[in-house]
Amino acid sequence: MKARIPGANNQGNMMKRIQQMQADMENVQQEVEATEFTASAGGGAVEVVVNGSHEIISIKIQPDVVDPEEIEMLEDLLIAALNESIKKANDAMEQGIERAKGGLSIPGLF
């Protein structure tokens, strides 16, 4: 007759859940890093696209907003659009991680 260790089955199940959660989180991270996030500022005057790795993919500026006397405004619009697109990428990563964790809370893990 085999000796049973109390809770051993639960620990094995917990380890499987943790391993699955880690795999899910890696998949989410890869998915978000491959996704592009677009944001605009100034009513569409400036549009910025970043990927989930926070790399700028493109910046589009409407020709009518390029005025040498309004360079500061253009710089502000770029900052606003960049920050918003990066925020979208961060939000997508956080939401994906939460889904991957499946309600499991492990101290020190995200």
C-alpha atoms as a PDB file:
ATOM      1  CA  MET A   1       0.000   0.000   0.000  1.00  0.00           C
ATOM      2  CA  LYS A   2       1.344   3.419  -0.984  1.00  0.00           C
ATOM      3  CA  ALA A   3       1.725   6.060   1.662  1.00  0.00           C
ATOM      4  CA  ARG A   4      -0.211   9.187   0.782  1.00  0.00           C
ATOM      5  CA  ILE A   5       1.135  12.595   1.532  1.00  0.00           C
ATOM      6  CA  PRO A   6      -1.679  14.940   2.530  1.00  0.00           C
ATOM      7  CA  GLY A   7      -2.083  17.743   0.016  1.00  0.00           C
ATOM      8  CA  ALA A   8       0.359  16.239  -2.529  1.00  0.00           C
ATOM      9  CA  ASN A   9      -2.323  16.014  -5.201  1.00  0.00           C
ATOM     10  CA  ASN A  10      -3.331  19.637  -4.603  1.00  0.00           C
ATOM     11  CA  GLN A  11       0.291  20.751  -4.915  1.00  0.00           C
ATOM     12  CA  GLY A  12       0.652  18.865  -8.191  1.00  0.00           C
ATOM     13  CA  ASN A  13      -2.494  20.492  -9.535  1.00  0.00           C
ATOM     14  CA  MET A  14      -1.288  23.902  -8.370  1.00  0.00           C
ATOM     15  CA  MET A  15       2.053  23.418 -10.146  1.00  0.00           C
ATOM     16  CA  LYS A  16       0.236  22.454 -13.353  1.00  0.00           C
ATOM     17  CA  ARG A  17      -1.940  25.566 -13.069  1.00  0.00           C
ATOM     18  CA  ILE A  18       1.115  27.745 -12.497  1.00  0.00           C
ATOM     19  CA  GLN A  19       2.929  26.230 -15.484  1.00  0.00           C
ATOM     20  CA  GLN A  20      -0.154  26.731 -17.662  1.00  0.00           C
ATOM     21  CA  MET A  21      -0.484  30.304 -16.414  1.00  0.00           C
ATOM     22  CA  GLN A  22       3.166  30.995 -17.263  1.00  0.00           C
ATOM     23  CA  ALA A  23       2.658  29.597 -20.769  1.00  0.00           C
ATOM     24  CA  ASP A  24      -0.512  31.686 -21.176  1.00  0.00           C
ATOM     25  CA  MET A  25       1.287  34.827 -20.002  1.00  0.00           C
ATOM     26  CA  GLU A  26       4.128  34.207 -22.477  1.00  0.00           C
ATOM     27  CA  ASN A  27       1.565  33.799 -25.265  1.00  0.00           C
ATOM     28  CA  VAL A  28      -0.174  37.026 -24.231  1.00  0.00           C
ATOM     29  CA  GLN A  29       3.128  38.868 -24.147  1.00  0.00           C
ATOM     30  CA  GLN A  30       4.035  37.670 -27.647  1.00  0.00           C
ATOM     31  CA  GLU A  31       0.564  38.552 -28.922  1.00  0.00           C
ATOM     32  CA  VAL A  32       0.635  42.067 -27.457  1.00  0.00           C
ATOM     33  CA  GLU A  33       4.191  42.695 -28.667  1.00  0.00           C
ATOM     34  CA  ALA A  34       3.066  41.790 -32.207  1.00  0.00           C
ATOM     35  CA  THR A  35       0.025  44.101 -32.032  1.00  0.00           C
ATOM     36  CA  GLU A  36       0.061  47.693 -33.242  1.00  0.00           C
ATOM     37  CA  PHE A  37      -1.635  50.460 -31.232  1.00  0.00           C
ATOM     38  CA  THR A  38      -2.712  53.713 -32.846  1.00  0.00           C
ATOM     39  CA  ALA A  39      -3.535  57.012 -31.189  1.00  0.00           C
ATOM     40  CA  SER A  40      -4.052  60.513 -32.491  1.00  0.00           C
ATOM     41  CA  ALA A  41      -4.004  64.025 -31.083  1.00  0.00           C
ATOM     42  CA  GLY A  42      -5.306  67.385 -32.215  1.00  0.00           C
ATOM     43  CA  GLY A  43      -8.422  65.951 -33.836  1.00  0.00           C
ATOM     44  CA  GLY A  44      -6.363  63.636 -36.033  1.00  0.00           C
ATOM     45  CA  ALA A  45      -3.679  66.189 -36.888  1.00  0.00           C
ATOM     46  CA  VAL A  46      -1.021  63.789 -35.576  1.00  0.00           C
ATOM     47  CA  GLU A  47      -1.287  60.006 -35.541  1.00  0.00           C
ATOM     48  CA  VAL A  48       1.216  57.651 -33.938  1.00  0.00           C
ATOM     49  CA  VAL A  49       1.460  53.864 -34.193  1.00  0.00           C
ATOM     50  CA  VAL A  50       3.518  51.812 -31.733  1.00  0.00           C
ATOM     51  CA  ASN A  51       3.845  48.086 -31.215  1.00  0.00           C
ATOM     52  CA  GLY A  52       3.477  46.208 -27.948  1.00  0.00           C
ATOM     53  CA  SER A  53       7.227  46.505 -27.395  1.00  0.00           C
ATOM     54  CA  HIS A  54       6.798  50.291 -27.288  1.00  0.00           C
ATOM     55  CA  GLU A  55       8.606  50.828 -30.588  1.00  0.00           C
ATOM     56  CA  ILE A  56       7.289  53.614 -32.791  1.00  0.00           C
ATOM     57  CA  ILE A  57       6.106  52.171 -36.099  1.00  0.00           C
ATOM     58  CA  SER A  58       4.894  55.335 -37.774  1.00  0.00           C
ATOM     59  CA  ILE A  59       4.045  58.989 -37.272  1.00  0.00           C
ATOM     60  CA  LYS A  60       1.646  60.739 -39.622  1.00  0.00           C
ATOM     61  CA  ILE A  61       1.228  64.510 -39.594  1.00  0.00           C
ATOM     62  CA  GLN A  62      -1.499  66.266 -41.562  1.00  0.00           C
ATOM     63  CA  PRO A  63       0.156  68.833 -43.849  1.00  0.00           C
ATOM     64  CA  ASP A  64      -2.031  71.699 -42.655  1.00  0.00           C
ATOM     65  CA  VAL A  65      -0.601  71.528 -39.108  1.00  0.00           C
ATOM     66  CA  VAL A  66       2.986  72.130 -40.176  1.00  0.00           C
ATOM     67  CA  ASP A  67       3.539  75.810 -39.566  1.00  0.00           C
ATOM     68  CA  PRO A  68       7.040  76.968 -38.615  1.00  0.00           C
ATOM     69  CA  GLU A  69       5.535  79.300 -36.043  1.00  0.00           C
ATOM     70  CA  GLU A  70       3.658  76.455 -34.361  1.00  0.00           C
ATOM     71  CA  ILE A  71       6.424  73.905 -33.909  1.00  0.00           C
ATOM     72  CA  GLU A  72       5.768  73.790 -30.156  1.00  0.00           C
ATOM     73  CA  MET A  73       2.135  72.842 -30.745  1.00  0.00           C
ATOM     74  CA  LEU A  74       3.216  70.073 -33.125  1.00  0.00           C
ATOM     75  CA  GLU A  75       5.692  68.790 -30.548  1.00  0.00           C
ATOM     76  CA  ASP A  76       2.942  68.754 -27.907  1.00  0.00           C
ATOM     77  CA  LEU A  77       0.620  66.846 -30.264  1.00  0.00           C
ATOM     78  CA  LEU A  78       3.339  64.271 -30.920  1.00  0.00           C
ATOM     79  CA  ILE A  79       3.938  63.794 -27.211  1.00  0.00           C
ATOM     80  CA  ALA A  80       0.203  63.380 -26.571  1.00  0.00           C
ATOM     81  CA  ALA A  81      -0.255  60.840 -29.381  1.00  0.00           C
ATOM     82  CA  LEU A  82       2.878  58.890 -28.411  1.00  0.00           C
ATOM     83  CA  ASN A  83       1.894  58.698 -24.755  1.00  0.00           C
ATOM     84  CA  GLU A  84      -1.639  57.560 -25.613  1.00  0.00           C
ATOM     85  CA  SER A  85      -0.456  54.837 -28.018  1.00  0.00           C
ATOM     86  CA  ILE A  86       2.036  53.536 -25.433  1.00  0.00           C
ATOM     87  CA  LYS A  87      -0.710  53.581 -22.792  1.00  0.00           C
ATOM     88  CA  LYS A  88      -2.888  51.460 -25.087  1.00  0.00           C
ATOM     89  CA  ALA A  89      -0.063  48.930 -25.474  1.00  0.00           C
ATOM     90  CA  ASN A  90       0.473  48.817 -21.682  1.00  0.00           C
ATOM     91  CA  ASP A  91      -3.264  48.397 -21.040  1.00  0.00           C
ATOM     92  CA  ALA A  92      -3.459  45.517 -23.529  1.00  0.00           C
ATOM     93  CA  MET A  93      -0.525  43.787 -21.829  1.00  0.00           C
ATOM     94  CA  GLU A  94      -2.066  44.200 -18.362  1.00  0.00           C
ATOM     95  CA  GLN A  95      -5.449  42.908 -19.528  1.00  0.00           C
ATOM     96  CA  GLY A  96      -3.831  39.919 -21.214  1.00  0.00           C
ATOM     97  CA  ILE A  97      -1.777  39.081 -18.131  1.00  0.00           C
ATOM     98  CA  GLU A  98      -4.900  39.237 -15.941  1.00  0.00           C
ATOM     99  CA  ARG A  99      -6.728  36.876 -18.314  1.00  0.00           C
ATOM    100  CA  ALA A 100      -3.747  34.508 -18.311  1.00  0.00           C
ATOM    101  CA  LYS A 101      -3.591  34.485 -14.516  1.00  0.00           C
ATOM    102  CA  GLY A 102      -7.196  33.335 -14.451  1.00  0.00           C
ATOM    103  CA  GLY A 103      -7.863  34.907 -11.051  1.00  0.00           C
ATOM    104  CA  LEU A 104      -4.815  33.256  -9.490  1.00  0.00           C
ATOM    105  CA  SER A 105      -2.873  35.579  -7.226  1.00  0.00           C
ATOM    106  CA  ILE A 106       0.769  34.716  -6.620  1.00  0.00           C
ATOM    107  CA  PRO A 107       2.864  37.219  -4.667  1.00  0.00           C
ATOM    108  CA  GLY A 108       5.790  38.522  -6.692  1.00  0.00           C
ATOM    109  CA  LEU A 109       4.290  37.382 -10.007  1.00  0.00           C
ATOM    110  CA  PHE A 110       3.041  40.457 -11.870  1.00  0.00           C
END
